[in-house]
Amino acid sequence: MTLIKQLTNQDDFTGYYLLKELEVKLTNGTTPRDYFDIVLCDASGQMAAKFWDVTPTDKETFFPMGLVKVQGVVQTYREKLQIKIIRMRPAEPEDGVALTDFIRSAPIAPVDLLHAINQAKLSIADEEIRSIVDYCVSKAGDKLNHYPAAKTYHHAYFAGLAYHMARMLEIGEFLCRQRPFLNADLLKAGIILHDIAKPEEMIAELGIVTDYSLQGKLIGHISIASGWITEAALALGIDIESEKVIGLRHLVLSHHNLGEWGSPVQPQTAEAVALHYIDAMDAKLQMVEDALDTTPQTEPWTPSIRGLENKPIYRTKL
């Protein structure tokens, strides 16, 4: 079977893939016709696809998160590769394929990622800060084992959220050694808490986000996490107007930096500035790594990356 990342322009192929996204749309012709706007994926990557002239039966047969056998051809549309699906049917038991075969996951086992996060949490010297972090991690619960960090932009796969946290903690540890003026307890807490409410914001199965929850749409993970910090302080008998609580809430509320990116305030403490740039650096470098990993080795340029101002990345030969 041909992996997604191995597909190149004008390839004719047949294989099994996961319908990561599927939406019924209408063509722009004089007589509009239904078609499927699809994202096909496997463990190697994903690619946009179109299935034209959809029938009523097709609409009752194909759904997101379904495994399908596809015959298609790869075409270039607006400088991006796209699949034109010739034929498609649901996978059957005798095909011998399983949903887990098509799921991309973090390169480190979830149990190891959670161990790293837990060790960082336990290393927080301030008892009140550590207790608040522990409370919020418990609120996230088992979802921290497998949730992605985002729907599309970065770490958008099984255990991506825990992987994002663990890599940020590594960067934060280095920065605290290099810049001793940073409060290590606050920075570690901010890293663990900044996206801790993502599992409440998104609805995900096996690392793939299918939708945003009502809380996610109306409140968002930043405000939810800030609320959890206040809830933790009240439950633990910690003054909600203390600098510790306000400082933790500020870390969460400011980590996107700008209002148009979702933050109601900009970073105004040293640790908040560090958190924003650690988050941005890890996210953007992961976008680059993922693009390189999912682009065929024969291609010198990756597709345009939305999170990097729609710029492609060149694969250096040095």
Protein backbone atom coordinates (compact mmCIF):
# COMPACT_ATOMS: atom_id res chain seq x y z
CA MET A 1 0.00 0.00 0.00
CA THR A 2 1.24 3.50 -0.86
CA LEU A 3 1.72 5.77 2.14
CA ILE A 4 0.38 9.32 1.96
CA LYS A 5 3.88 10.81 2.26
CA GLN A 6 5.03 8.73 -0.74
CA LEU A 7 2.39 10.10 -3.11
CA THR A 8 3.61 12.47 -5.81
CA ASN A 9 1.97 14.37 -8.67
CA GLN A 10 0.21 12.15 -11.27
CA ASP A 11 0.51 9.01 -9.14
CA ASP A 12 -2.27 6.46 -9.69
CA PHE A 13 -2.74 4.44 -6.55
CA THR A 14 -5.01 2.16 -4.56
CA GLY A 15 -4.85 1.80 -0.79
CA TYR A 16 -6.54 1.98 2.58
CA TYR A 17 -6.83 5.28 4.40
CA LEU A 18 -8.69 7.03 7.21
CA LEU A 19 -11.32 9.67 6.49
CA LYS A 20 -9.93 12.23 8.92
CA GLU A 21 -12.35 14.91 7.70
CA LEU A 22 -15.37 14.74 5.40
CA GLU A 23 -17.77 17.52 4.45
CA VAL A 24 -20.52 17.60 1.82
CA LYS A 25 -20.22 20.66 -0.44
CA LEU A 26 -21.78 21.96 -3.66
CA THR A 27 -19.95 22.65 -6.91
CA ASN A 28 -20.14 26.16 -8.39
CA GLY A 29 -21.60 25.08 -11.74
CA THR A 30 -24.90 26.14 -13.30
CA THR A 31 -26.38 22.96 -11.90
CA PRO A 32 -24.67 22.53 -8.50
CA ARG A 33 -23.77 18.98 -7.56
CA ASP A 34 -22.79 17.47 -4.24
CA TYR A 35 -19.19 16.42 -3.65
CA PHE A 36 -17.12 15.30 -0.66
CA ASP A 37 -14.35 17.61 0.55
CA ILE A 38 -12.09 15.13 2.32
CA VAL A 39 -8.84 14.85 4.23
CA LEU A 40 -7.34 11.36 3.90
CA CYS A 41 -4.68 10.28 6.36
CA ASP A 42 -2.52 7.42 7.51
CA ALA A 43 0.31 7.17 10.03
CA SER A 44 2.68 8.95 7.61
CA GLY A 45 0.63 12.09 7.00
CA GLN A 46 -2.48 13.50 5.37
CA MET A 47 -3.68 14.97 2.06
CA ALA A 48 -6.75 16.82 0.83
CA ALA A 49 -9.02 14.87 -1.52
CA LYS A 50 -12.16 15.38 -3.59
CA PHE A 51 -14.85 12.80 -4.39
CA TRP A 52 -17.12 14.19 -7.09
CA ASP A 53 -20.76 13.49 -7.99
CA VAL A 54 -21.76 12.20 -4.59
CA THR A 55 -24.96 10.16 -4.48
CA PRO A 56 -27.54 9.95 -1.67
CA THR A 57 -26.19 6.46 -0.95
CA ASP A 58 -22.67 7.86 -0.60
CA LYS A 59 -23.91 10.34 2.01
CA GLU A 60 -25.29 7.45 4.06
CA THR A 61 -22.15 5.34 3.61
CA PHE A 62 -19.14 7.54 4.36
CA PHE A 63 -18.44 9.41 7.61
CA PRO A 64 -15.42 10.96 9.36
CA MET A 65 -13.17 8.49 11.20
CA GLY A 66 -14.13 5.70 8.82
CA LEU A 67 -11.60 3.45 7.10
CA VAL A 68 -11.91 3.32 3.32
CA LYS A 69 -10.31 1.65 0.32
CA VAL A 70 -9.51 4.33 -2.25
CA GLN A 71 -8.53 4.29 -5.90
CA GLY A 72 -7.31 7.73 -6.89
CA VAL A 73 -4.91 9.94 -8.74
CA VAL A 74 -2.74 12.71 -7.31
CA GLN A 75 -3.05 16.12 -8.94
CA THR A 76 -1.60 19.56 -8.31
CA TYR A 77 -4.12 22.28 -7.45
CA ARG A 78 -2.96 25.77 -6.55
CA GLU A 79 0.58 24.45 -6.06
CA LYS A 80 -0.56 21.81 -3.57
CA LEU A 81 -0.99 18.07 -4.02
CA GLN A 82 -4.60 16.88 -3.92
CA ILE A 83 -6.22 13.52 -4.52
CA LYS A 84 -9.00 12.97 -7.02
CA ILE A 85 -10.86 9.90 -5.78
CA ILE A 86 -11.96 7.63 -8.62
CA ARG A 87 -13.57 4.94 -6.49
CA MET A 88 -14.06 4.49 -2.78
CA ARG A 89 -15.66 1.91 -0.50
CA PRO A 90 -15.70 1.29 3.26
CA ALA A 91 -13.04 -1.09 4.53
CA GLU A 92 -14.35 -4.56 5.37
CA PRO A 93 -13.24 -7.00 8.10
CA GLU A 94 -11.64 -9.33 5.55
CA ASP A 95 -9.39 -6.46 4.40
CA GLY A 96 -7.37 -6.97 7.57
CA VAL A 97 -6.89 -3.30 8.43
CA ALA A 98 -7.48 -1.66 11.82
CA LEU A 99 -8.12 1.94 12.79
CA THR A 100 -5.02 2.07 15.00
CA ASP A 101 -2.83 1.28 11.97
CA PHE A 102 -3.68 4.70 10.53
CA ILE A 103 -3.21 6.86 13.61
CA ARG A 104 -0.20 9.13 13.89
CA SER A 105 1.17 9.41 17.40
CA ALA A 106 3.89 11.18 19.36
CA PRO A 107 7.36 9.67 18.88
CA ILE A 108 7.61 9.01 22.62
CA ALA A 109 5.29 6.62 24.48
CA PRO A 110 2.53 8.38 26.47
CA VAL A 111 3.61 6.66 29.69
CA ASP A 112 7.08 8.20 29.36
CA LEU A 113 5.67 11.63 28.53
CA LEU A 114 3.38 11.57 31.55
CA HIS A 115 6.29 10.46 33.73
CA ALA A 116 8.32 13.47 32.58
CA ILE A 117 5.40 15.83 33.27
CA ASN A 118 4.83 14.29 36.70
CA GLN A 119 8.52 14.58 37.60
CA ALA A 120 8.46 18.25 36.63
CA LYS A 121 5.35 18.76 38.74
CA LEU A 122 6.94 17.07 41.75
CA SER A 123 10.06 19.22 41.36
CA ILE A 124 8.05 22.41 41.99
CA ALA A 125 9.37 23.53 45.38
CA ASP A 126 6.52 25.87 46.30
CA GLU A 127 3.84 23.69 47.89
CA GLU A 128 0.89 25.92 46.96
CA ILE A 129 1.91 26.20 43.32
CA ARG A 130 2.56 22.45 43.16
CA SER A 131 -0.85 21.73 44.71
CA ILE A 132 -2.65 23.96 42.18
CA VAL A 133 -0.84 22.26 39.30
CA ASP A 134 -1.70 18.83 40.69
CA TYR A 135 -5.36 19.82 41.02
CA CYS A 136 -5.55 21.01 37.40
CA VAL A 137 -3.72 17.96 36.03
CA SER A 138 -6.25 15.78 37.87
CA LYS A 139 -9.05 17.76 36.18
CA ALA A 140 -7.62 16.84 32.77
CA GLY A 141 -7.60 13.21 33.89
CA ASP A 142 -6.89 10.29 31.57
CA LYS A 143 -7.36 12.46 28.47
CA LEU A 144 -3.82 13.72 28.97
CA ASN A 145 -2.70 10.21 27.91
CA HIS A 146 -3.90 10.58 24.34
CA TYR A 147 -5.22 14.05 23.45
CA PRO A 148 -3.64 16.11 20.66
CA ALA A 149 -2.43 19.66 21.31
CA ALA A 150 -4.43 21.13 18.43
CA LYS A 151 -6.81 20.25 15.62
CA THR A 152 -4.47 21.16 12.78
CA TYR A 153 -1.50 23.40 13.44
CA HIS A 154 0.90 21.53 15.72
CA HIS A 155 1.16 18.28 17.68
CA ALA A 156 -2.18 17.30 16.11
CA TYR A 157 -1.90 13.60 16.83
CA PHE A 158 -2.24 10.92 19.53
CA ALA A 159 -0.52 12.11 22.77
CA GLY A 160 0.49 15.35 21.05
CA LEU A 161 -0.52 17.48 24.04
CA ALA A 162 1.69 15.55 26.48
CA TYR A 163 4.54 15.58 23.94
CA HIS A 164 4.20 19.37 23.56
CA MET A 165 4.31 19.84 27.34
CA ALA A 166 7.30 17.53 27.79
CA ARG A 167 9.36 19.23 25.07
CA MET A 168 8.50 22.66 26.47
CA LEU A 169 9.60 21.53 29.93
CA GLU A 170 12.99 20.58 28.46
CA ILE A 171 13.36 24.05 26.94
CA GLY A 172 12.17 25.68 30.17
CA GLU A 173 14.71 23.75 32.24
CA PHE A 174 17.52 24.98 29.99
CA LEU A 175 16.30 28.58 30.10
CA CYS A 176 16.10 28.59 33.89
CA ARG A 177 19.75 27.49 34.06
CA GLN A 178 20.76 30.12 31.51
CA ARG A 179 18.56 32.88 32.98
CA PRO A 180 18.54 32.42 36.78
CA PHE A 181 16.27 35.44 37.25
CA LEU A 182 13.37 33.30 36.01
CA ASN A 183 11.27 31.66 38.73
CA ALA A 184 11.55 27.97 37.85
CA ASP A 185 8.45 27.00 39.86
CA LEU A 186 6.26 29.51 38.02
CA LEU A 187 7.66 28.63 34.60
CA LYS A 188 7.26 24.88 35.07
CA ALA A 189 3.73 25.43 36.37
CA GLY A 190 2.89 27.70 33.42
CA ILE A 191 4.15 25.15 30.91
CA ILE A 192 2.05 22.37 32.43
CA LEU A 193 -1.04 24.58 32.82
CA HIS A 194 -1.01 26.65 29.62
CA ASP A 195 -2.86 24.03 27.52
CA ILE A 196 -4.16 21.81 30.32
CA ALA A 197 -7.79 22.53 29.35
CA LYS A 198 -7.36 21.52 25.69
CA PRO A 199 -9.16 18.20 26.40
CA GLU A 200 -12.18 20.25 27.51
CA GLU A 201 -11.99 22.48 24.44
CA MET A 202 -11.81 19.74 21.79
CA ILE A 203 -13.64 16.52 21.02
CA ALA A 204 -11.04 13.97 19.92
CA GLU A 205 -10.82 10.27 19.17
CA LEU A 206 -7.45 8.53 18.88
CA GLY A 207 -5.70 11.86 18.59
CA ILE A 208 -7.93 13.26 15.84
CA VAL A 209 -10.13 16.26 16.65
CA THR A 210 -13.61 15.91 15.17
CA ASP A 211 -15.10 19.10 16.62
CA TYR A 212 -14.87 21.66 19.40
CA SER A 213 -16.96 21.22 22.53
CA LEU A 214 -19.58 23.76 23.60
CA GLN A 215 -17.13 25.04 26.23
CA GLY A 216 -14.42 25.17 23.60
CA LYS A 217 -16.55 27.22 21.23
CA LEU A 218 -17.99 29.60 23.83
CA ILE A 219 -15.18 29.88 26.39
CA GLY A 220 -11.92 28.37 25.06
CA HIS A 221 -9.07 26.52 26.74
CA ILE A 222 -7.33 29.67 28.01
CA SER A 223 -10.31 30.88 30.02
CA ILE A 224 -11.20 27.37 31.15
CA ALA A 225 -7.69 26.80 32.53
CA SER A 226 -7.70 30.18 34.27
CA GLY A 227 -10.97 29.17 35.91
CA TRP A 228 -9.47 25.86 37.01
CA ILE A 229 -6.62 27.71 38.76
CA THR A 230 -9.14 29.80 40.72
CA GLU A 231 -11.19 26.68 41.47
CA ALA A 232 -8.05 24.92 42.73
CA ALA A 233 -7.11 27.83 44.98
CA LEU A 234 -10.60 27.93 46.51
CA ALA A 235 -10.62 24.15 47.05
CA LEU A 236 -7.16 24.21 48.61
CA GLY A 237 -7.76 27.26 50.83
CA ILE A 238 -5.26 29.46 48.95
CA ASP A 239 -5.93 33.20 48.70
CA ILE A 240 -7.17 33.80 45.13
CA GLU A 241 -5.76 37.34 45.29
CA SER A 242 -2.27 36.15 46.18
CA GLU A 243 0.56 36.83 43.74
CA LYS A 244 0.96 33.11 43.19
CA VAL A 245 -2.60 32.61 41.98
CA ILE A 246 -2.65 35.83 39.97
CA GLY A 247 0.76 34.98 38.52
CA LEU A 248 -0.38 31.51 37.42
CA ARG A 249 -3.55 32.89 35.87
CA HIS A 250 -1.53 35.55 34.06
CA LEU A 251 0.77 32.87 32.60
CA VAL A 252 -2.21 31.03 31.15
CA LEU A 253 -4.15 34.12 30.03
CA SER A 254 -1.18 35.73 28.26
CA HIS A 255 0.59 32.79 26.63
CA HIS A 256 -0.88 33.47 23.15
CA ASN A 257 0.46 37.03 23.48
CA LEU A 258 -2.14 38.91 21.40
CA GLY A 259 -5.89 39.36 21.52
CA GLU A 260 -6.32 38.17 17.94
CA TRP A 261 -4.52 34.98 18.94
CA GLY A 262 -6.82 34.42 21.92
CA SER A 263 -5.05 36.09 24.86
CA PRO A 264 -6.97 38.81 26.76
CA VAL A 265 -3.69 40.23 28.11
CA GLN A 266 -0.09 40.34 26.92
CA PRO A 267 2.80 38.80 28.91
CA GLN A 268 3.85 41.19 31.69
CA THR A 269 6.01 39.00 33.91
CA ALA A 270 9.39 37.48 33.06
CA GLU A 271 7.99 33.97 33.25
CA ALA A 272 5.02 34.89 31.03
CA VAL A 273 7.36 36.27 28.36
CA ALA A 274 9.44 33.09 28.54
CA LEU A 275 6.35 30.87 28.39
CA HIS A 276 4.99 32.58 25.28
CA TYR A 277 8.23 32.19 23.34
CA ILE A 278 8.84 28.62 24.54
CA ASP A 279 5.32 27.71 23.41
CA ALA A 280 5.72 29.47 20.07
CA MET A 281 9.15 27.99 19.38
CA ASP A 282 8.12 24.42 20.17
CA ALA A 283 4.91 24.73 18.16
CA LYS A 284 6.58 26.28 15.09
CA LEU A 285 9.54 23.90 15.07
CA GLN A 286 7.11 21.01 15.36
CA MET A 287 5.22 22.35 12.33
CA VAL A 288 8.51 22.31 10.40
CA GLU A 289 9.44 18.83 11.63
CA ASP A 290 6.00 17.44 10.81
CA ALA A 291 6.04 19.00 7.34
CA LEU A 292 9.47 17.55 6.58
CA ASP A 293 8.49 14.13 7.97
CA THR A 294 5.30 13.95 5.90
CA THR A 295 6.76 15.26 2.63
CA PRO A 296 8.35 12.71 0.27
CA GLN A 297 12.15 12.73 0.42
CA THR A 298 12.19 13.41 -3.31
CA GLU A 299 10.43 16.77 -2.82
CA PRO A 300 12.82 19.67 -2.05
CA TRP A 301 10.02 21.86 -0.65
CA THR A 302 7.26 21.06 1.83
CA PRO A 303 3.71 22.29 1.21
CA SER A 304 2.91 25.76 2.57
CA ILE A 305 2.54 25.74 6.36
CA ARG A 306 -0.38 27.82 7.62
CA GLY A 307 1.17 28.41 11.03
CA LEU A 308 4.30 29.82 9.39
CA GLU A 309 2.62 32.55 7.35
CA ASN A 310 1.85 30.02 4.59
CA LYS A 311 5.54 29.58 3.76
CA PRO A 312 6.97 26.25 2.58
CA ILE A 313 10.19 24.88 4.04
CA TYR A 314 13.19 23.92 1.92
CA ARG A 315 14.90 20.61 2.73
CA THR A 316 18.59 21.53 2.87
CA LYS A 317 21.02 19.00 1.36
CA LEU A 318 23.96 19.86 3.61
